[in-house]
Amino acid sequence: METGRLTVERVSGKSSVTRCFAKYPLKFIVPTKAGRSEIDAVWIYTLTYGGGIVSGDCISFDITVEDDCTAVLTTQASTKVYKSVALKCSEQIMEVRE
């Protein structure tokens, strides 16, 4: 089950997020100002509700970065992975296309 999708394309000569979808437990933050202004890169922060990945969470998202675009994917801090309860596994899958 997909919990997120992002697309980065050139808009007015700059790398820009043109599609951004996320649902629980995933959240994306795309600030308007991050990094130095002379660098053409869009910054994308991934977050999880509750401060980390908990028992049973499944995070799966796709990112498409079009030609001549630059994206930086990071988190705000380290992501905690909590102990599983009652054999409920957690997973995180990320697929990036260019």
PDB file of N, CA and C in Angstrom:
ATOM      1  N   MET A   1       0.848  -1.179   0.000  1.00  0.00           N
ATOM      2  CA  MET A   1       0.000   0.000   0.000  1.00  0.00           C
ATOM      3  C   MET A   1       0.893   1.241   0.000  1.00  0.00           C
ATOM      4  N   GLU A   2       0.688   2.095  -0.965  1.00  0.00           N
ATOM      5  CA  GLU A   2       1.495   3.304  -1.084  1.00  0.00           C
ATOM      6  C   GLU A   2       1.015   4.369  -0.099  1.00  0.00           C
ATOM      7  N   THR A   3       1.993   4.958   0.627  1.00  0.00           N
ATOM      8  CA  THR A   3       1.631   6.021   1.567  1.00  0.00           C
ATOM      9  C   THR A   3       2.120   7.382   1.109  1.00  0.00           C
ATOM     10  N   GLY A   4       2.856   7.441  -0.020  1.00  0.00           N
ATOM     11  CA  GLY A   4       3.313   8.739  -0.494  1.00  0.00           C
ATOM     12  C   GLY A   4       3.819   8.709  -1.915  1.00  0.00           C
ATOM     13  N   ARG A   5       3.779   9.890  -2.546  1.00  0.00           N
ATOM     14  CA  ARG A   5       4.296  10.052  -3.899  1.00  0.00           C
ATOM     15  C   ARG A   5       4.707  11.510  -4.085  1.00  0.00           C
ATOM     16  N   LEU A   6       5.875  11.702  -4.688  1.00  0.00           N
ATOM     17  CA  LEU A   6       6.392  13.050  -4.969  1.00  0.00           C
ATOM     18  C   LEU A   6       6.890  13.104  -6.407  1.00  0.00           C
ATOM     19  N   THR A   7       6.704  14.244  -7.054  1.00  0.00           N
ATOM     20  CA  THR A   7       7.268  14.482  -8.379  1.00  0.00           C
ATOM     21  C   THR A   7       7.973  15.831  -8.359  1.00  0.00           C
ATOM     22  N   VAL A   8       9.218  15.838  -8.857  1.00  0.00           N
ATOM     23  CA  VAL A   8      10.005  17.068  -8.958  1.00  0.00           C
ATOM     24  C   VAL A   8      10.201  17.360 -10.442  1.00  0.00           C
ATOM     25  N   GLU A   9       9.766  18.560 -10.862  1.00  0.00           N
ATOM     26  CA  GLU A   9       9.883  18.981 -12.260  1.00  0.00           C
ATOM     27  C   GLU A   9      10.424  20.408 -12.313  1.00  0.00           C
ATOM     28  N   ARG A  10      10.855  20.807 -13.508  1.00  0.00           N
ATOM     29  CA  ARG A  10      11.310  22.189 -13.702  1.00  0.00           C
ATOM     30  C   ARG A  10      10.100  23.083 -13.932  1.00  0.00           C
ATOM     31  N   VAL A  11      10.013  24.128 -13.121  1.00  0.00           N
ATOM     32  CA  VAL A  11       8.957  25.128 -13.251  1.00  0.00           C
ATOM     33  C   VAL A  11       9.641  26.486 -13.210  1.00  0.00           C
ATOM     34  N   SER A  12       9.465  27.265 -14.249  1.00  0.00           N
ATOM     35  CA  SER A  12      10.105  28.588 -14.360  1.00  0.00           C
ATOM     36  C   SER A  12      11.617  28.483 -14.175  1.00  0.00           C
ATOM     37  N   GLY A  13      12.224  27.423 -14.714  1.00  0.00           N
ATOM     38  CA  GLY A  13      13.676  27.265 -14.669  1.00  0.00           C
ATOM     39  C   GLY A  13      14.239  26.750 -13.360  1.00  0.00           C
ATOM     40  N   LYS A  14      13.381  26.325 -12.417  1.00  0.00           N
ATOM     41  CA  LYS A  14      13.849  25.838 -11.119  1.00  0.00           C
ATOM     42  C   LYS A  14      13.231  24.475 -10.801  1.00  0.00           C
ATOM     43  N   SER A  15      13.963  23.678 -10.049  1.00  0.00           N
ATOM     44  CA  SER A  15      13.429  22.409  -9.554  1.00  0.00           C
ATOM     45  C   SER A  15      12.308  22.710  -8.570  1.00  0.00           C
ATOM     46  N   SER A  16      11.141  22.085  -8.786  1.00  0.00           N
ATOM     47  CA  SER A  16       9.979  22.338  -7.928  1.00  0.00           C
ATOM     48  C   SER A  16       9.195  21.050  -7.725  1.00  0.00           C
ATOM     49  N   VAL A  17       8.591  20.912  -6.551  1.00  0.00           N
ATOM     50  CA  VAL A  17       7.702  19.785  -6.301  1.00  0.00           C
ATOM     51  C   VAL A  17       6.361  20.121  -6.942  1.00  0.00           C
ATOM     52  N   THR A  18       5.940  19.277  -7.907  1.00  0.00           N
ATOM     53  CA  THR A  18       4.677  19.518  -8.604  1.00  0.00           C
ATOM     54  C   THR A  18       3.585  18.554  -8.159  1.00  0.00           C
ATOM     55  N   ARG A  19       3.978  17.505  -7.465  1.00  0.00           N
ATOM     56  CA  ARG A  19       2.998  16.567  -6.904  1.00  0.00           C
ATOM     57  C   ARG A  19       3.503  16.121  -5.544  1.00  0.00           C
ATOM     58  N   CYS A  20       2.639  16.179  -4.548  1.00  0.00           N
ATOM     59  CA  CYS A  20       3.028  15.802  -3.195  1.00  0.00           C
ATOM     60  C   CYS A  20       1.820  15.190  -2.501  1.00  0.00           C
ATOM     61  N   PHE A  21       1.897  13.890  -2.244  1.00  0.00           N
ATOM     62  CA  PHE A  21       0.816  13.172  -1.589  1.00  0.00           C
ATOM     63  C   PHE A  21       1.417  12.326  -0.479  1.00  0.00           C
ATOM     64  N   ALA A  22       0.823  12.353   0.701  1.00  0.00           N
ATOM     65  CA  ALA A  22       1.267  11.513   1.809  1.00  0.00           C
ATOM     66  C   ALA A  22       0.080  11.231   2.716  1.00  0.00           C
ATOM     67  N   LYS A  23       0.061  10.011   3.274  1.00  0.00           N
ATOM     68  CA  LYS A  23      -0.969   9.681   4.250  1.00  0.00           C
ATOM     69  C   LYS A  23      -0.326   8.930   5.404  1.00  0.00           C
ATOM     70  N   TYR A  24      -1.052   8.822   6.488  1.00  0.00           N
ATOM     71  CA  TYR A  24      -0.555   8.232   7.726  1.00  0.00           C
ATOM     72  C   TYR A  24       0.125   6.894   7.443  1.00  0.00           C
ATOM     73  N   PRO A  25       1.295   6.679   8.023  1.00  0.00           N
ATOM     74  CA  PRO A  25       2.014   7.448   9.044  1.00  0.00           C
ATOM     75  C   PRO A  25       3.080   8.388   8.468  1.00  0.00           C
ATOM     76  N   LEU A  26       3.031   8.675   7.178  1.00  0.00           N
ATOM     77  CA  LEU A  26       4.067   9.476   6.509  1.00  0.00           C
ATOM     78  C   LEU A  26       3.603  10.911   6.315  1.00  0.00           C
ATOM     79  N   LYS A  27       4.554  11.822   6.375  1.00  0.00           N
ATOM     80  CA  LYS A  27       4.279  13.225   6.092  1.00  0.00           C
ATOM     81  C   LYS A  27       5.500  13.807   5.396  1.00  0.00           C
ATOM     82  N   PHE A  28       5.286  14.654   4.391  1.00  0.00           N
ATOM     83  CA  PHE A  28       6.363  15.365   3.706  1.00  0.00           C
ATOM     84  C   PHE A  28       6.298  16.842   4.061  1.00  0.00           C
ATOM     85  N   ILE A  29       7.453  17.442   4.253  1.00  0.00           N
ATOM     86  CA  ILE A  29       7.549  18.895   4.401  1.00  0.00           C
ATOM     87  C   ILE A  29       8.471  19.386   3.295  1.00  0.00           C
ATOM     88  N   VAL A  30       7.981  20.356   2.518  1.00  0.00           N
ATOM     89  CA  VAL A  30       8.763  20.940   1.427  1.00  0.00           C
ATOM     90  C   VAL A  30       8.846  22.444   1.693  1.00  0.00           C
ATOM     91  N   PRO A  31       9.910  22.875   2.395  1.00  0.00           N
ATOM     92  CA  PRO A  31      10.021  24.311   2.713  1.00  0.00           C
ATOM     93  C   PRO A  31      10.295  25.133   1.464  1.00  0.00           C
ATOM     94  N   THR A  32       9.835  26.382   1.494  1.00  0.00           N
ATOM     95  CA  THR A  32      10.073  27.253   0.340  1.00  0.00           C
ATOM     96  C   THR A  32      11.504  27.780   0.319  1.00  0.00           C
ATOM     97  N   LYS A  33      12.138  27.859   1.477  1.00  0.00           N
ATOM     98  CA  LYS A  33      13.525  28.317   1.542  1.00  0.00           C
ATOM     99  C   LYS A  33      14.338  27.323   2.359  1.00  0.00           C
ATOM    100  N   ALA A  34      15.248  26.618   1.678  1.00  0.00           N
ATOM    101  CA  ALA A  34      16.156  25.688   2.345  1.00  0.00           C
ATOM    102  C   ALA A  34      17.445  25.661   1.537  1.00  0.00           C
ATOM    103  N   GLY A  35      18.551  25.749   2.192  1.00  0.00           N
ATOM    104  CA  GLY A  35      19.822  25.774   1.475  1.00  0.00           C
ATOM    105  C   GLY A  35      20.094  27.143   0.887  1.00  0.00           C
ATOM    106  N   ARG A  36      21.228  27.239   0.218  1.00  0.00           N
ATOM    107  CA  ARG A  36      21.625  28.511  -0.391  1.00  0.00           C
ATOM    108  C   ARG A  36      20.791  28.784  -1.640  1.00  0.00           C
ATOM    109  N   SER A  37      20.464  30.031  -1.875  1.00  0.00           N
ATOM    110  CA  SER A  37      19.577  30.395  -2.984  1.00  0.00           C
ATOM    111  C   SER A  37      20.210  30.174  -4.355  1.00  0.00           C
ATOM    112  N   GLU A  38      21.532  30.157  -4.442  1.00  0.00           N
ATOM    113  CA  GLU A  38      22.161  29.961  -5.751  1.00  0.00           C
ATOM    114  C   GLU A  38      22.201  28.492  -6.191  1.00  0.00           C
ATOM    115  N   ILE A  39      21.804  27.593  -5.320  1.00  0.00           N
ATOM    116  CA  ILE A  39      21.765  26.168  -5.645  1.00  0.00           C
ATOM    117  C   ILE A  39      20.341  25.785  -6.024  1.00  0.00           C
ATOM    118  N   ASP A  40      20.188  25.196  -7.208  1.00  0.00           N
ATOM    119  CA  ASP A  40      18.859  24.787  -7.668  1.00  0.00           C
ATOM    120  C   ASP A  40      18.555  23.392  -7.146  1.00  0.00           C
ATOM    121  N   ALA A  41      18.022  23.313  -5.962  1.00  0.00           N
ATOM    122  CA  ALA A  41      17.630  22.026  -5.378  1.00  0.00           C
ATOM    123  C   ALA A  41      16.390  22.240  -4.532  1.00  0.00           C
ATOM    124  N   VAL A  42      15.456  21.302  -4.624  1.00  0.00           N
ATOM    125  CA  VAL A  42      14.285  21.329  -3.771  1.00  0.00           C
ATOM    126  C   VAL A  42      14.561  20.384  -2.600  1.00  0.00           C
ATOM    127  N   TRP A  43      14.306  20.857  -1.386  1.00  0.00           N
ATOM    128  CA  TRP A  43      14.541  20.063  -0.181  1.00  0.00           C
ATOM    129  C   TRP A  43      13.233  19.423   0.242  1.00  0.00           C
ATOM    130  N   ILE A  44      13.297  18.127   0.560  1.00  0.00           N
ATOM    131  CA  ILE A  44      12.120  17.370   0.981  1.00  0.00           C
ATOM    132  C   ILE A  44      12.454  16.655   2.290  1.00  0.00           C
ATOM    133  N   TYR A  45      11.662  16.921   3.316  1.00  0.00           N
ATOM    134  CA  TYR A  45      11.846  16.265   4.609  1.00  0.00           C
ATOM    135  C   TYR A  45      10.756  15.217   4.793  1.00  0.00           C
ATOM    136  N   THR A  46      11.145  14.007   5.205  1.00  0.00           N
ATOM    137  CA  THR A  46      10.162  12.987   5.536  1.00  0.00           C
ATOM    138  C   THR A  46      10.003  12.933   7.050  1.00  0.00           C
ATOM    139  N   LEU A  47       8.761  12.767   7.489  1.00  0.00           N
ATOM    140  CA  LEU A  47       8.462  12.653   8.911  1.00  0.00           C
ATOM    141  C   LEU A  47       7.487  11.514   9.110  1.00  0.00           C
ATOM    142  N   THR A  48       7.471  10.988  10.320  1.00  0.00           N
ATOM    143  CA  THR A  48       6.454  10.007  10.686  1.00  0.00           C
ATOM    144  C   THR A  48       5.732  10.524  11.918  1.00  0.00           C
ATOM    145  N   TYR A  49       4.424  10.295  11.950  1.00  0.00           N
ATOM    146  CA  TYR A  49       3.644  10.675  13.121  1.00  0.00           C
ATOM    147  C   TYR A  49       4.073   9.819  14.297  1.00  0.00           C
ATOM    148  N   GLY A  50       4.093  10.385  15.469  1.00  0.00           N
ATOM    149  CA  GLY A  50       4.442   9.638  16.672  1.00  0.00           C
ATOM    150  C   GLY A  50       5.932   9.561  16.940  1.00  0.00           C
ATOM    151  N   GLY A  51       6.746  10.228  16.129  1.00  0.00           N
ATOM    152  CA  GLY A  51       8.173  10.295  16.409  1.00  0.00           C
ATOM    153  C   GLY A  51       8.996   9.102  15.956  1.00  0.00           C
ATOM    154  N   GLY A  52       8.429   8.249  15.123  1.00  0.00           N
ATOM    155  CA  GLY A  52       9.204   7.118  14.633  1.00  0.00           C
ATOM    156  C   GLY A  52       8.334   6.058  13.993  1.00  0.00           C
ATOM    157  N   ILE A  53       8.957   4.936  13.653  1.00  0.00           N
ATOM    158  CA  ILE A  53       8.241   3.823  13.039  1.00  0.00           C
ATOM    159  C   ILE A  53       7.853   2.854  14.149  1.00  0.00           C
ATOM    160  N   VAL A  54       6.560   2.622  14.272  1.00  0.00           N
ATOM    161  CA  VAL A  54       6.070   1.753  15.348  1.00  0.00           C
ATOM    162  C   VAL A  54       5.553   0.436  14.775  1.00  0.00           C
ATOM    163  N   SER A  55       5.286  -0.487  15.642  1.00  0.00           N
ATOM    164  CA  SER A  55       4.839  -1.827  15.267  1.00  0.00           C
ATOM    165  C   SER A  55       3.676  -1.780  14.277  1.00  0.00           C
ATOM    166  N   GLY A  56       3.862  -2.421  13.132  1.00  0.00           N
ATOM    167  CA  GLY A  56       2.807  -2.494  12.127  1.00  0.00           C
ATOM    168  C   GLY A  56       2.817  -1.390  11.094  1.00  0.00           C
ATOM    169  N   ASP A  57       3.659  -0.361  11.240  1.00  0.00           N
ATOM    170  CA  ASP A  57       3.726   0.710  10.242  1.00  0.00           C
ATOM    171  C   ASP A  57       4.278   0.170   8.927  1.00  0.00           C
ATOM    172  N   CYS A  58       3.681   0.610   7.829  1.00  0.00           N
ATOM    173  CA  CYS A  58       4.185   0.281   6.500  1.00  0.00           C
ATOM    174  C   CYS A  58       4.279   1.592   5.731  1.00  0.00           C
ATOM    175  N   ILE A  59       5.495   1.984   5.415  1.00  0.00           N
ATOM    176  CA  ILE A  59       5.733   3.238   4.707  1.00  0.00           C
ATOM    177  C   ILE A  59       6.310   2.888   3.347  1.00  0.00           C
ATOM    178  N   SER A  60       5.605   3.286   2.288  1.00  0.00           N
ATOM    179  CA  SER A  60       6.042   2.992   0.926  1.00  0.00           C
ATOM    180  C   SER A  60       5.782   4.224   0.081  1.00  0.00           C
ATOM    181  N   PHE A  61       6.839   4.791  -0.496  1.00  0.00           N
ATOM    182  CA  PHE A  61       6.621   5.971  -1.323  1.00  0.00           C
ATOM    183  C   PHE A  61       7.533   5.988  -2.535  1.00  0.00           C
ATOM    184  N   ASP A  62       7.062   6.678  -3.575  1.00  0.00           N
ATOM    185  CA  ASP A  62       7.787   6.834  -4.834  1.00  0.00           C
ATOM    186  C   ASP A  62       8.149   8.295  -5.015  1.00  0.00           C
ATOM    187  N   ILE A  63       9.348   8.518  -5.543  1.00  0.00           N
ATOM    188  CA  ILE A  63       9.792   9.871  -5.883  1.00  0.00           C
ATOM    189  C   ILE A  63      10.249   9.854  -7.327  1.00  0.00           C
ATOM    190  N   THR A  64       9.733  10.792  -8.119  1.00  0.00           N
ATOM    191  CA  THR A  64      10.168  10.944  -9.502  1.00  0.00           C
ATOM    192  C   THR A  64      10.869  12.291  -9.624  1.00  0.00           C
ATOM    193  N   VAL A  65      12.113  12.264 -10.094  1.00  0.00           N
ATOM    194  CA  VAL A  65      12.893  13.483 -10.303  1.00  0.00           C
ATOM    195  C   VAL A  65      13.137  13.588 -11.805  1.00  0.00           C
ATOM    196  N   GLU A  66      12.528  14.576 -12.426  1.00  0.00           N
ATOM    197  CA  GLU A  66      12.632  14.732 -13.880  1.00  0.00           C
ATOM    198  C   GLU A  66      14.016  15.250 -14.289  1.00  0.00           C
ATOM    199  N   ASP A  67      14.305  15.211 -15.589  1.00  0.00           N
ATOM    200  CA  ASP A  67      15.590  15.654 -16.135  1.00  0.00           C
ATOM    201  C   ASP A  67      15.923  17.081 -15.705  1.00  0.00           C
ATOM    202  N   ASP A  68      17.195  17.325 -15.459  1.00  0.00           N
ATOM    203  CA  ASP A  68      17.718  18.654 -15.090  1.00  0.00           C
ATOM    204  C   ASP A  68      17.159  19.175 -13.766  1.00  0.00           C
ATOM    205  N   CYS A  69      16.682  18.288 -12.907  1.00  0.00           N
ATOM    206  CA  CYS A  69      16.178  18.690 -11.592  1.00  0.00           C
ATOM    207  C   CYS A  69      17.050  18.081 -10.507  1.00  0.00           C
ATOM    208  N   THR A  70      17.052  18.728  -9.343  1.00  0.00           N
ATOM    209  CA  THR A  70      17.809  18.247  -8.194  1.00  0.00           C
ATOM    210  C   THR A  70      16.893  18.245  -6.977  1.00  0.00           C
ATOM    211  N   ALA A  71      16.942  17.144  -6.225  1.00  0.00           N
ATOM    212  CA  ALA A  71      16.153  17.030  -4.998  1.00  0.00           C
ATOM    213  C   ALA A  71      17.044  16.504  -3.887  1.00  0.00           C
ATOM    214  N   VAL A  72      16.825  17.022  -2.689  1.00  0.00           N
ATOM    215  CA  VAL A  72      17.509  16.546  -1.488  1.00  0.00           C
ATOM    216  C   VAL A  72      16.437  15.941  -0.598  1.00  0.00           C
ATOM    217  N   LEU A  73      16.558  14.638  -0.316  1.00  0.00           N
ATOM    218  CA  LEU A  73      15.607  13.946   0.540  1.00  0.00           C
ATOM    219  C   LEU A  73      16.289  13.638   1.860  1.00  0.00           C
ATOM    220  N   THR A  74      15.685  14.094   2.949  1.00  0.00           N
ATOM    221  CA  THR A  74      16.297  13.920   4.261  1.00  0.00           C
ATOM    222  C   THR A  74      15.197  13.857   5.332  1.00  0.00           C
ATOM    223  N   THR A  75      15.600  13.692   6.567  1.00  0.00           N
ATOM    224  CA  THR A  75      14.668  13.756   7.690  1.00  0.00           C
ATOM    225  C   THR A  75      15.078  14.926   8.577  1.00  0.00           C
ATOM    226  N   GLN A  76      14.197  15.340   9.474  1.00  0.00           N
ATOM    227  CA  GLN A  76      14.538  16.437  10.370  1.00  0.00           C
ATOM    228  C   GLN A  76      15.538  15.986  11.428  1.00  0.00           C
ATOM    229  N   ALA A  77      15.493  14.720  11.751  1.00  0.00           N
ATOM    230  CA  ALA A  77      16.370  14.146  12.784  1.00  0.00           C
ATOM    231  C   ALA A  77      16.427  12.647  12.530  1.00  0.00           C
ATOM    232  N   SER A  78      17.107  11.922  13.399  1.00  0.00           N
ATOM    233  CA  SER A  78      17.138  10.473  13.232  1.00  0.00           C
ATOM    234  C   SER A  78      15.732   9.909  13.411  1.00  0.00           C
ATOM    235  N   THR A  79      15.428   8.861  12.658  1.00  0.00           N
ATOM    236  CA  THR A  79      14.121   8.223  12.751  1.00  0.00           C
ATOM    237  C   THR A  79      14.221   7.032  13.690  1.00  0.00           C
ATOM    238  N   LYS A  80      13.425   7.040  14.725  1.00  0.00           N
ATOM    239  CA  LYS A  80      13.432   5.939  15.686  1.00  0.00           C
ATOM    240  C   LYS A  80      12.587   4.791  15.140  1.00  0.00           C
ATOM    241  N   VAL A  81      13.072   3.574  15.348  1.00  0.00           N
ATOM    242  CA  VAL A  81      12.318   2.378  15.003  1.00  0.00           C
ATOM    243  C   VAL A  81      12.052   1.650  16.313  1.00  0.00           C
ATOM    244  N   TYR A  82      10.777   1.561  16.674  1.00  0.00           N
ATOM    245  CA  TYR A  82      10.397   0.971  17.949  1.00  0.00           C
ATOM    246  C   TYR A  82      10.208  -0.537  17.829  1.00  0.00           C
ATOM    247  N   LYS A  83      10.368  -1.213  18.940  1.00  0.00           N
ATOM    248  CA  LYS A  83      10.238  -2.663  19.022  1.00  0.00           C
ATOM    249  C   LYS A  83       8.848  -3.113  18.560  1.00  0.00           C
ATOM    250  N   SER A  84       8.814  -4.207  17.786  1.00  0.00           N
ATOM    251  CA  SER A  84       7.540  -4.765  17.324  1.00  0.00           C
ATOM    252  C   SER A  84       6.794  -5.436  18.473  1.00  0.00           C
ATOM    253  N   VAL A  85       5.471  -5.374  18.384  1.00  0.00           N
ATOM    254  CA  VAL A  85       4.614  -5.993  19.383  1.00  0.00           C
ATOM    255  C   VAL A  85       3.798  -7.090  18.690  1.00  0.00           C
ATOM    256  N   ALA A  86       3.728  -8.253  19.303  1.00  0.00           N
ATOM    257  CA  ALA A  86       2.893  -9.362  18.824  1.00  0.00           C
ATOM    258  C   ALA A  86       3.182  -9.716  17.361  1.00  0.00           C
ATOM    259  N   LEU A  87       4.455  -9.776  17.008  1.00  0.00           N
ATOM    260  CA  LEU A  87       4.897 -10.188  15.666  1.00  0.00           C
ATOM    261  C   LEU A  87       4.407  -9.286  14.537  1.00  0.00           C
ATOM    262  N   LYS A  88       4.027  -8.043  14.831  1.00  0.00           N
ATOM    263  CA  LYS A  88       3.643  -7.090  13.792  1.00  0.00           C
ATOM    264  C   LYS A  88       4.908  -6.443  13.249  1.00  0.00           C
ATOM    265  N   CYS A  89       5.242  -6.731  12.009  1.00  0.00           N
ATOM    266  CA  CYS A  89       6.454  -6.177  11.401  1.00  0.00           C
ATOM    267  C   CYS A  89       6.193  -4.763  10.887  1.00  0.00           C
ATOM    268  N   SER A  90       7.258  -3.995  10.815  1.00  0.00           N
ATOM    269  CA  SER A  90       7.213  -2.661  10.224  1.00  0.00           C
ATOM    270  C   SER A  90       8.135  -2.669   9.009  1.00  0.00           C
ATOM    271  N   GLU A  91       7.820  -1.845   8.013  1.00  0.00           N
ATOM    272  CA  GLU A  91       8.690  -1.767   6.850  1.00  0.00           C
ATOM    273  C   GLU A  91       8.659  -0.367   6.255  1.00  0.00           C
ATOM    274  N   GLN A  92       9.759  -0.049   5.540  1.00  0.00           N
ATOM    275  CA  GLN A  92       9.857   1.224   4.847  1.00  0.00           C
ATOM    276  C   GLN A  92      10.459   0.938   3.480  1.00  0.00           C
ATOM    277  N   ILE A  93       9.760   1.347   2.424  1.00  0.00           N
ATOM    278  CA  ILE A  93      10.195   1.120   1.051  1.00  0.00           C
ATOM    279  C   ILE A  93      10.193   2.457   0.335  1.00  0.00           C
ATOM    280  N   MET A  94      11.300   2.777  -0.326  1.00  0.00           N
ATOM    281  CA  MET A  94      11.394   4.017  -1.094  1.00  0.00           C
ATOM    282  C   MET A  94      11.915   3.682  -2.480  1.00  0.00           C
ATOM    283  N   GLU A  95      11.242   4.199  -3.510  1.00  0.00           N
ATOM    284  CA  GLU A  95      11.680   3.991  -4.879  1.00  0.00           C
ATOM    285  C   GLU A  95      11.836   5.362  -5.526  1.00  0.00           C
ATOM    286  N   VAL A  96      13.024   5.593  -6.110  1.00  0.00           N
ATOM    287  CA  VAL A  96      13.321   6.873  -6.754  1.00  0.00           C
ATOM    288  C   VAL A  96      13.526   6.628  -8.239  1.00  0.00           C
ATOM    289  N   ARG A  97      12.880   7.445  -9.064  1.00  0.00           N
ATOM    290  CA  ARG A  97      13.005   7.354 -10.530  1.00  0.00           C
ATOM    291  C   ARG A  97      13.502   8.687 -11.050  1.00  0.00           C
ATOM    292  N   GLU A  98      14.264   8.595 -12.135  1.00  0.00           N
ATOM    293  CA  GLU A  98      14.646   9.843 -12.812  1.00  0.00           C
ATOM    294  C   GLU A  98      14.322   9.765 -14.262  1.00  0.00           C
TER     295      GLU A  98
END
